[in-house]
C-alpha atoms as a PDB file:
ATOM      1  CA  UNK A   1      -0.001  -0.001   0.000  1.00  0.00           C
ATOM      2  CA  UNK A   2       1.187   3.507  -0.803  1.00  0.00           C
ATOM      3  CA  UNK A   3       1.478   5.244   2.568  1.00  0.00           C
ATOM      4  CA  UNK A   4       0.841   8.613   0.920  1.00  0.00           C
ATOM      5  CA  UNK A   5      -2.740   7.450   0.419  1.00  0.00           C
ATOM      6  CA  UNK A   6      -2.967   6.650   4.111  1.00  0.00           C
ATOM      7  CA  UNK A   7      -1.725  10.065   5.205  1.00  0.00           C
ATOM      8  CA  UNK A   8      -3.791  11.950   2.622  1.00  0.00           C
ATOM      9  CA  UNK A   9      -6.980  10.281   3.797  1.00  0.00           C
ATOM     10  CA  UNK A  10      -6.206  10.889   7.484  1.00  0.00           C
ATOM     11  CA  UNK A  11      -5.747  14.597   6.818  1.00  0.00           C
ATOM     12  CA  UNK A  12      -8.871  14.941   4.664  1.00  0.00           C
ATOM     13  CA  UNK A  13     -10.999  12.811   6.992  1.00  0.00           C
ATOM     14  CA  UNK A  14     -10.260  14.978  10.000  1.00  0.00           C
ATOM     15  CA  UNK A  15     -10.810  18.114   7.931  1.00  0.00           C
ATOM     16  CA  UNK A  16     -14.197  17.138   6.507  1.00  0.00           C
ATOM     17  CA  UNK A  17     -15.488  14.628   9.109  1.00  0.00           C
ATOM     18  CA  UNK A  18     -13.883  15.939  12.329  1.00  0.00           C
ATOM     19  CA  UNK A  19     -13.923  13.491  15.211  1.00  0.00           C
ATOM     20  CA  UNK A  20     -15.535  10.694  13.184  1.00  0.00           C
ATOM     21  CA  UNK A  21     -14.396   7.140  13.765  1.00  0.00           C
ATOM     22  CA  UNK A  22     -11.607   5.949  11.493  1.00  0.00           C
ATOM     23  CA  UNK A  23     -12.541   3.258   8.968  1.00  0.00           C
ATOM     24  CA  UNK A  24     -11.338  -0.337   8.891  1.00  0.00           C
ATOM     25  CA  UNK A  25      -9.550  -1.851   5.916  1.00  0.00           C
ATOM     26  CA  UNK A  26      -9.790  -5.554   5.181  1.00  0.00           C
ATOM     27  CA  UNK A  27      -8.306  -7.989   2.697  1.00  0.00           C
ATOM     28  CA  UNK A  28      -7.626 -11.672   2.109  1.00  0.00           C
ATOM     29  CA  UNK A  29      -4.070 -12.861   2.764  1.00  0.00           C
ATOM     30  CA  UNK A  30      -2.099 -16.059   3.249  1.00  0.00           C
ATOM     31  CA  UNK A  31      -0.149 -14.484   6.120  1.00  0.00           C
ATOM     32  CA  UNK A  32      -1.446 -12.657   9.173  1.00  0.00           C
ATOM     33  CA  UNK A  33       1.549 -10.283   9.182  1.00  0.00           C
ATOM     34  CA  UNK A  34       1.196  -8.192  12.363  1.00  0.00           C
ATOM     35  CA  UNK A  35      -2.449  -9.093  13.002  1.00  0.00           C
ATOM     36  CA  UNK A  36      -3.419 -11.258  15.947  1.00  0.00           C
ATOM     37  CA  UNK A  37      -5.451 -14.440  15.546  1.00  0.00           C
ATOM     38  CA  UNK A  38      -7.950 -14.356  18.417  1.00  0.00           C
ATOM     39  CA  UNK A  39      -9.469 -17.467  19.912  1.00  0.00           C
ATOM     40  CA  UNK A  40     -12.900 -18.518  18.729  1.00  0.00           C
ATOM     41  CA  UNK A  41     -15.521 -16.770  20.890  1.00  0.00           C
ATOM     42  CA  UNK A  42     -17.887 -18.637  23.134  1.00  0.00           C
ATOM     43  CA  UNK A  43     -21.307 -18.803  21.440  1.00  0.00           C
ATOM     44  CA  UNK A  44     -24.129 -16.699  22.799  1.00  0.00           C
ATOM     45  CA  UNK A  45     -27.579 -18.009  23.707  1.00  0.00           C
ATOM     46  CA  UNK A  46     -28.438 -18.284  20.014  1.00  0.00           C
ATOM     47  CA  UNK A  47     -25.349 -20.402  19.371  1.00  0.00           C
ATOM     48  CA  UNK A  48     -23.188 -17.894  17.501  1.00  0.00           C
ATOM     49  CA  UNK A  49     -21.221 -14.651  17.815  1.00  0.00           C
ATOM     50  CA  UNK A  50     -21.700 -12.041  15.085  1.00  0.00           C
ATOM     51  CA  UNK A  51     -18.603 -10.720  13.319  1.00  0.00           C
ATOM     52  CA  UNK A  52     -19.743  -7.209  14.263  1.00  0.00           C
ATOM     53  CA  UNK A  53     -18.991  -8.142  17.879  1.00  0.00           C
ATOM     54  CA  UNK A  54     -15.646  -9.631  16.896  1.00  0.00           C
ATOM     55  CA  UNK A  55     -14.679  -6.366  15.175  1.00  0.00           C
ATOM     56  CA  UNK A  56     -14.968  -4.332  18.388  1.00  0.00           C
ATOM     57  CA  UNK A  57     -11.256  -4.731  19.142  1.00  0.00           C
ATOM     58  CA  UNK A  58     -10.350  -3.759  15.556  1.00  0.00           C
ATOM     59  CA  UNK A  59     -12.279  -0.532  15.964  1.00  0.00           C
ATOM     60  CA  UNK A  60     -10.058   0.137  19.003  1.00  0.00           C
ATOM     61  CA  UNK A  61      -6.940  -0.253  16.849  1.00  0.00           C
ATOM     62  CA  UNK A  62      -5.998  -3.917  17.232  1.00  0.00           C
ATOM     63  CA  UNK A  63      -5.385  -5.746  13.960  1.00  0.00           C
ATOM     64  CA  UNK A  64      -7.153  -9.106  13.735  1.00  0.00           C
ATOM     65  CA  UNK A  65      -7.202 -12.043  11.325  1.00  0.00           C
ATOM     66  CA  UNK A  66     -10.098 -14.484  10.956  1.00  0.00           C
ATOM     67  CA  UNK A  67     -10.984 -17.686   9.148  1.00  0.00           C
ATOM     68  CA  UNK A  68     -13.143 -20.744   9.767  1.00  0.00           C
ATOM     69  CA  UNK A  69     -11.261 -21.540  12.987  1.00  0.00           C
ATOM     70  CA  UNK A  70     -12.184 -18.379  14.887  1.00  0.00           C
ATOM     71  CA  UNK A  71     -15.174 -16.773  13.196  1.00  0.00           C
ATOM     72  CA  UNK A  72     -18.010 -17.074  15.670  1.00  0.00           C
ATOM     73  CA  UNK A  73     -20.873 -17.486  13.210  1.00  0.00           C
ATOM     74  CA  UNK A  74     -21.485 -20.259  10.692  1.00  0.00           C
ATOM     75  CA  UNK A  75     -22.988 -17.671   8.355  1.00  0.00           C
ATOM     76  CA  UNK A  76     -19.796 -15.599   8.305  1.00  0.00           C
ATOM     77  CA  UNK A  77     -17.673 -18.686   7.660  1.00  0.00           C
ATOM     78  CA  UNK A  78     -19.830 -19.559   4.673  1.00  0.00           C
ATOM     79  CA  UNK A  79     -20.385 -16.026   3.355  1.00  0.00           C
ATOM     80  CA  UNK A  80     -16.683 -15.159   3.441  1.00  0.00           C
ATOM     81  CA  UNK A  81     -15.706 -18.357   1.660  1.00  0.00           C
ATOM     82  CA  UNK A  82     -14.032 -20.254   4.488  1.00  0.00           C
ATOM     83  CA  UNK A  83     -16.702 -22.961   4.629  1.00  0.00           C
ATOM     84  CA  UNK A  84     -17.891 -24.605   1.416  1.00  0.00           C
ATOM     85  CA  UNK A  85     -21.060 -26.028   2.938  1.00  0.00           C
ATOM     86  CA  UNK A  86     -24.262 -25.801   0.920  1.00  0.00           C
ATOM     87  CA  UNK A  87     -27.467 -24.235   2.169  1.00  0.00           C
ATOM     88  CA  UNK A  88     -28.911 -26.832   4.518  1.00  0.00           C
ATOM     89  CA  UNK A  89     -32.468 -27.581   5.535  1.00  0.00           C
ATOM     90  CA  UNK A  90     -31.485 -26.481   9.042  1.00  0.00           C
ATOM     91  CA  UNK A  91     -30.314 -23.068   7.823  1.00  0.00           C
ATOM     92  CA  UNK A  92     -33.388 -22.674   5.630  1.00  0.00           C
ATOM     93  CA  UNK A  93     -35.650 -23.476   8.561  1.00  0.00           C
ATOM     94  CA  UNK A  94     -33.695 -21.030  10.730  1.00  0.00           C
ATOM     95  CA  UNK A  95     -34.242 -18.157   8.278  1.00  0.00           C
ATOM     96  CA  UNK A  96     -37.945 -18.926   7.831  1.00  0.00           C
ATOM     97  CA  UNK A  97     -39.164 -20.097  11.232  1.00  0.00           C
ATOM     98  CA  UNK A  98     -36.671 -18.710  13.760  1.00  0.00           C
ATOM     99  CA  UNK A  99     -35.337 -15.406  12.414  1.00  0.00           C
ATOM    100  CA  UNK A 100     -38.339 -15.090  10.053  1.00  0.00           C
ATOM    101  CA  UNK A 101     -36.463 -13.091   7.418  1.00  0.00           C
ATOM    102  CA  UNK A 102     -37.778 -15.081   4.463  1.00  0.00           C
ATOM    103  CA  UNK A 103     -41.292 -16.192   3.655  1.00  0.00           C
ATOM    104  CA  UNK A 104     -40.735 -19.565   1.957  1.00  0.00           C
ATOM    105  CA  UNK A 105     -38.021 -22.084   1.110  1.00  0.00           C
ATOM    106  CA  UNK A 106     -38.065 -20.800  -2.454  1.00  0.00           C
ATOM    107  CA  UNK A 107     -37.310 -17.305  -1.217  1.00  0.00           C
ATOM    108  CA  UNK A 108     -34.292 -18.654   0.691  1.00  0.00           C
ATOM    109  CA  UNK A 109     -33.059 -20.630  -2.298  1.00  0.00           C
ATOM    110  CA  UNK A 110     -33.325 -17.677  -4.644  1.00  0.00           C
ATOM    111  CA  UNK A 111     -31.708 -15.372  -2.070  1.00  0.00           C
ATOM    112  CA  UNK A 112     -28.533 -17.469  -2.096  1.00  0.00           C
ATOM    113  CA  UNK A 113     -28.621 -17.951  -5.842  1.00  0.00           C
ATOM    114  CA  UNK A 114     -28.619 -14.193  -6.296  1.00  0.00           C
ATOM    115  CA  UNK A 115     -26.118 -13.569  -3.504  1.00  0.00           C
ATOM    116  CA  UNK A 116     -23.619 -16.438  -3.500  1.00  0.00           C
ATOM    117  CA  UNK A 117     -20.833 -16.700  -0.941  1.00  0.00           C
ATOM    118  CA  UNK A 118     -17.401 -15.293  -1.654  1.00  0.00           C
ATOM    119  CA  UNK A 119     -14.483 -17.493  -2.629  1.00  0.00           C
ATOM    120  CA  UNK A 120     -11.791 -17.000   0.008  1.00  0.00           C
ATOM    121  CA  UNK A 121      -8.713 -15.552  -1.706  1.00  0.00           C
ATOM    122  CA  UNK A 122      -6.356 -16.477   1.111  1.00  0.00           C
ATOM    123  CA  UNK A 123      -6.039 -18.342   4.404  1.00  0.00           C
ATOM    124  CA  UNK A 124      -7.256 -15.349   6.383  1.00  0.00           C
ATOM    125  CA  UNK A 125      -9.286 -12.191   6.169  1.00  0.00           C
ATOM    126  CA  UNK A 126      -7.260  -9.446   7.849  1.00  0.00           C
ATOM    127  CA  UNK A 127      -8.855  -6.374   9.464  1.00  0.00           C
ATOM    128  CA  UNK A 128      -6.887  -3.242  10.402  1.00  0.00           C
ATOM    129  CA  UNK A 129      -7.990   0.208  11.456  1.00  0.00           C
ATOM    130  CA  UNK A 130      -6.897   2.763   8.869  1.00  0.00           C
ATOM    131  CA  UNK A 131      -4.214   4.445  10.990  1.00  0.00           C
ATOM    132  CA  UNK A 132      -2.485   1.105  11.671  1.00  0.00           C
ATOM    133  CA  UNK A 133      -1.967   0.181   7.993  1.00  0.00           C
ATOM    134  CA  UNK A 134       1.569  -0.209   6.670  1.00  0.00           C
ATOM    135  CA  UNK A 135       3.258  -0.793   3.319  1.00  0.00           C
ATOM    136  CA  UNK A 136       2.674  -4.549   3.446  1.00  0.00           C
ATOM    137  CA  UNK A 137      -1.096  -4.215   3.569  1.00  0.00           C
ATOM    138  CA  UNK A 138      -3.240  -4.455   0.437  1.00  0.00           C
ATOM    139  CA  UNK A 139      -6.778  -3.263   1.297  1.00  0.00           C
ATOM    140  CA  UNK A 140      -9.633  -4.580  -0.797  1.00  0.00           C
ATOM    141  CA  UNK A 141     -12.587  -3.115   1.094  1.00  0.00           C
ATOM    142  CA  UNK A 142     -12.747  -0.181   3.496  1.00  0.00           C
ATOM    143  CA  UNK A 143     -15.713   0.209   5.823  1.00  0.00           C
ATOM    144  CA  UNK A 144     -16.899   2.832   8.268  1.00  0.00           C
ATOM    145  CA  UNK A 145     -19.054   2.939  11.378  1.00  0.00           C
ATOM    146  CA  UNK A 146     -20.834   6.249  11.663  1.00  0.00           C
ATOM    147  CA  UNK A 147     -23.949   8.129  12.660  1.00  0.00           C
ATOM    148  CA  UNK A 148     -26.491   9.259  10.029  1.00  0.00           C
ATOM    149  CA  UNK A 149     -24.619  12.532   9.450  1.00  0.00           C
ATOM    150  CA  UNK A 150     -21.387  10.699   8.657  1.00  0.00           C
ATOM    151  CA  UNK A 151     -23.122   8.127   6.473  1.00  0.00           C
ATOM    152  CA  UNK A 152     -25.003  10.856   4.598  1.00  0.00           C
ATOM    153  CA  UNK A 153     -21.680  12.485   3.749  1.00  0.00           C
ATOM    154  CA  UNK A 154     -20.148   9.199   2.595  1.00  0.00           C
ATOM    155  CA  UNK A 155     -23.269   8.427   0.553  1.00  0.00           C
ATOM    156  CA  UNK A 156     -23.123  11.768  -1.247  1.00  0.00           C
ATOM    157  CA  UNK A 157     -19.361  11.522  -1.768  1.00  0.00           C
ATOM    158  CA  UNK A 158     -19.647   8.049  -3.310  1.00  0.00           C
ATOM    159  CA  UNK A 159     -22.227   9.412  -5.753  1.00  0.00           C
ATOM    160  CA  UNK A 160     -20.261  12.554  -6.639  1.00  0.00           C
ATOM    161  CA  UNK A 161     -18.713  11.103  -9.813  1.00  0.00           C
ATOM    162  CA  UNK A 162     -21.414   8.648 -10.871  1.00  0.00           C
ATOM    163  CA  UNK A 163     -23.657   8.968 -13.936  1.00  0.00           C
ATOM    164  CA  UNK A 164     -26.646   7.388 -12.170  1.00  0.00           C
ATOM    165  CA  UNK A 165     -28.216   7.787  -8.714  1.00  0.00           C
ATOM    166  CA  UNK A 166     -27.076   4.267  -7.841  1.00  0.00           C
ATOM    167  CA  UNK A 167     -23.473   4.714  -6.747  1.00  0.00           C
ATOM    168  CA  UNK A 168     -24.467   3.321  -3.351  1.00  0.00           C
ATOM    169  CA  UNK A 169     -26.678   0.305  -2.723  1.00  0.00           C
ATOM    170  CA  UNK A 170     -28.395  -1.050   0.391  1.00  0.00           C
ATOM    171  CA  UNK A 171     -29.076  -4.720  -0.411  1.00  0.00           C
ATOM    172  CA  UNK A 172     -30.808  -7.120   1.945  1.00  0.00           C
ATOM    173  CA  UNK A 173     -28.566  -9.634   3.649  1.00  0.00           C
ATOM    174  CA  UNK A 174     -26.871 -10.688   6.831  1.00  0.00           C
ATOM    175  CA  UNK A 175     -24.652  -8.264   8.694  1.00  0.00           C
ATOM    176  CA  UNK A 176     -21.460  -9.762   7.274  1.00  0.00           C
ATOM    177  CA  UNK A 177     -23.060 -10.059   3.850  1.00  0.00           C
ATOM    178  CA  UNK A 178     -23.817  -6.361   3.498  1.00  0.00           C
ATOM    179  CA  UNK A 179     -20.635  -5.236   5.261  1.00  0.00           C
ATOM    180  CA  UNK A 180     -18.263  -7.466   3.272  1.00  0.00           C
ATOM    181  CA  UNK A 181     -19.742  -9.801   0.655  1.00  0.00           C
ATOM    182  CA  UNK A 182     -21.452  -7.182  -1.493  1.00  0.00           C
ATOM    183  CA  UNK A 183     -18.526  -4.710  -1.526  1.00  0.00           C
ATOM    184  CA  UNK A 184     -16.023  -7.493  -2.226  1.00  0.00           C
ATOM    185  CA  UNK A 185     -18.163  -8.577  -5.155  1.00  0.00           C
ATOM    186  CA  UNK A 186     -18.179  -4.984  -6.426  1.00  0.00           C
ATOM    187  CA  UNK A 187     -14.411  -5.248  -6.925  1.00  0.00           C
ATOM    188  CA  UNK A 188     -15.178  -7.047 -10.185  1.00  0.00           C
ATOM    189  CA  UNK A 189     -17.515  -4.326 -11.457  1.00  0.00           C
ATOM    190  CA  UNK A 190     -16.587  -1.720 -14.058  1.00  0.00           C
ATOM    191  CA  UNK A 191     -18.289   0.881 -11.888  1.00  0.00           C
ATOM    192  CA  UNK A 192     -17.950  -0.442  -8.324  1.00  0.00           C
ATOM    193  CA  UNK A 193     -20.652   0.661  -5.906  1.00  0.00           C
ATOM    194  CA  UNK A 194     -20.418   1.380  -2.208  1.00  0.00           C
ATOM    195  CA  UNK A 195     -22.786  -0.308   0.247  1.00  0.00           C
ATOM    196  CA  UNK A 196     -24.764   0.974   3.221  1.00  0.00           C
ATOM    197  CA  UNK A 197     -24.768  -1.810   5.768  1.00  0.00           C
ATOM    198  CA  UNK A 198     -25.460  -2.546   9.402  1.00  0.00           C
ATOM    199  CA  UNK A 199     -29.162  -2.944   8.668  1.00  0.00           C
ATOM    200  CA  UNK A 200     -29.573  -6.584   9.727  1.00  0.00           C
ATOM    201  CA  UNK A 201     -31.789  -6.560  12.849  1.00  0.00           C
ATOM    202  CA  UNK A 202     -30.006  -9.653  14.175  1.00  0.00           C
ATOM    203  CA  UNK A 203     -26.672  -7.790  14.384  1.00  0.00           C
ATOM    204  CA  UNK A 204     -27.945  -4.387  15.502  1.00  0.00           C
ATOM    205  CA  UNK A 205     -27.386  -5.277  19.175  1.00  0.00           C
ATOM    206  CA  UNK A 206     -23.649  -5.495  18.386  1.00  0.00           C
ATOM    207  CA  UNK A 207     -23.359  -1.741  17.685  1.00  0.00           C
ATOM    208  CA  UNK A 208     -24.690   1.363  19.366  1.00  0.00           C
ATOM    209  CA  UNK A 209     -28.178   2.388  18.303  1.00  0.00           C
ATOM    210  CA  UNK A 210     -27.049   5.517  16.445  1.00  0.00           C
ATOM    211  CA  UNK A 211     -24.501   3.747  14.223  1.00  0.00           C
ATOM    212  CA  UNK A 212     -24.747   2.415  10.689  1.00  0.00           C
ATOM    213  CA  UNK A 213     -21.983   1.032   8.497  1.00  0.00           C
ATOM    214  CA  UNK A 214     -20.771   2.029   5.046  1.00  0.00           C
ATOM    215  CA  UNK A 215     -18.476  -0.134   2.908  1.00  0.00           C
ATOM    216  CA  UNK A 216     -16.487   0.848  -0.174  1.00  0.00           C
ATOM    217  CA  UNK A 217     -14.519  -1.430  -2.510  1.00  0.00           C
ATOM    218  CA  UNK A 218     -10.971  -0.143  -2.894  1.00  0.00           C
ATOM    219  CA  UNK A 219     -11.362   1.577  -6.320  1.00  0.00           C
ATOM    220  CA  UNK A 220     -14.470   3.432  -5.132  1.00  0.00           C
ATOM    221  CA  UNK A 221     -12.727   4.404  -1.915  1.00  0.00           C
ATOM    222  CA  UNK A 222      -9.778   5.878  -3.830  1.00  0.00           C
ATOM    223  CA  UNK A 223     -12.095   7.958  -6.002  1.00  0.00           C
ATOM    224  CA  UNK A 224     -13.851   9.200  -2.869  1.00  0.00           C
ATOM    225  CA  UNK A 225     -10.533  10.413  -1.446  1.00  0.00           C
ATOM    226  CA  UNK A 226      -9.662  12.148  -4.732  1.00  0.00           C
ATOM    227  CA  UNK A 227     -13.035  13.922  -4.833  1.00  0.00           C
ATOM    228  CA  UNK A 228     -13.186  15.177  -1.254  1.00  0.00           C
ATOM    229  CA  UNK A 229     -11.704  18.621  -1.769  1.00  0.00           C
ATOM    230  CA  UNK A 230     -13.819  19.535  -4.810  1.00  0.00           C
ATOM    231  CA  UNK A 231     -17.149  18.051  -3.730  1.00  0.00           C
ATOM    232  CA  UNK A 232     -20.057  19.296  -1.608  1.00  0.00           C
ATOM    233  CA  UNK A 233     -17.737  18.868   1.393  1.00  0.00           C
ATOM    234  CA  UNK A 234     -16.455  22.419   0.761  1.00  0.00           C
ATOM    235  CA  UNK A 235     -19.952  23.881   0.223  1.00  0.00           C
ATOM    236  CA  UNK A 236     -22.199  25.605   2.764  1.00  0.00           C
ATOM    237  CA  UNK A 237     -24.636  22.716   3.278  1.00  0.00           C
ATOM    238  CA  UNK A 238     -21.880  20.458   4.583  1.00  0.00           C
ATOM    239  CA  UNK A 239     -20.216  23.234   6.544  1.00  0.00           C
ATOM    240  CA  UNK A 240     -23.483  23.743   8.413  1.00  0.00           C
ATOM    241  CA  UNK A 241     -23.885  20.021   9.075  1.00  0.00           C
ATOM    242  CA  UNK A 242     -20.231  19.645  10.063  1.00  0.00           C
ATOM    243  CA  UNK A 243     -20.854  22.014  12.960  1.00  0.00           C
ATOM    244  CA  UNK A 244     -22.556  19.075  14.701  1.00  0.00           C
ATOM    245  CA  UNK A 245     -19.360  16.999  14.533  1.00  0.00           C
ATOM    246  CA  UNK A 246     -17.103  16.925  17.565  1.00  0.00           C
ATOM    247  CA  UNK A 247     -13.361  17.185  16.776  1.00  0.00           C
ATOM    248  CA  UNK A 248     -11.024  14.892  18.688  1.00  0.00           C
ATOM    249  CA  UNK A 249      -9.543  16.394  21.822  1.00  0.00           C
END
């Protein structure tokens, strides 16, 4: 990774989104490098631990690596490509009769046909907060946790250089699906889209009530950095909204 990109973003982020939480970069790799490999979490009462909970330490600045051995949710293992299992009757029943997110078995089947799991591109998926990145890191997706003001700014910035109103999508899916699967899949698009995520009711208890998430595939993220200083971020509407942000002490 070019460290000039890192420093440029840090400067622009604090200028235009003062006090906002730094994003997290993630990528597949065959080596953990300086990331820790935490133990698998103990399952909660429902039998799993959401990846949003496992990312809490990353948000505090601790690099982490995950795969099938320490991801706390069977859905994350499958969605991120570390478990090749097919959609089972048990999972289908869980989505229909327990979580009640899908009406029929056909709805479940078509959901996974239209949103297949990723193919893991390495032994691990590495997560690092932006300020901890170094030259050996190769981010593929960058995601943010922010309040509606922050997400509104990211949404507008991602659409600044698009020819349609669809530079950002908000697809239905699991927490890890919207946070990671959709933006990773956008890496193969000619016009990669960003994704508003953190909308899965089953993972909402893992973040504070005022937070949403926003994910950008690397090419989209780079264009967002390039556009910051000529976009609406220097206009009066954003200046007025930015007055509600609280700079770091």
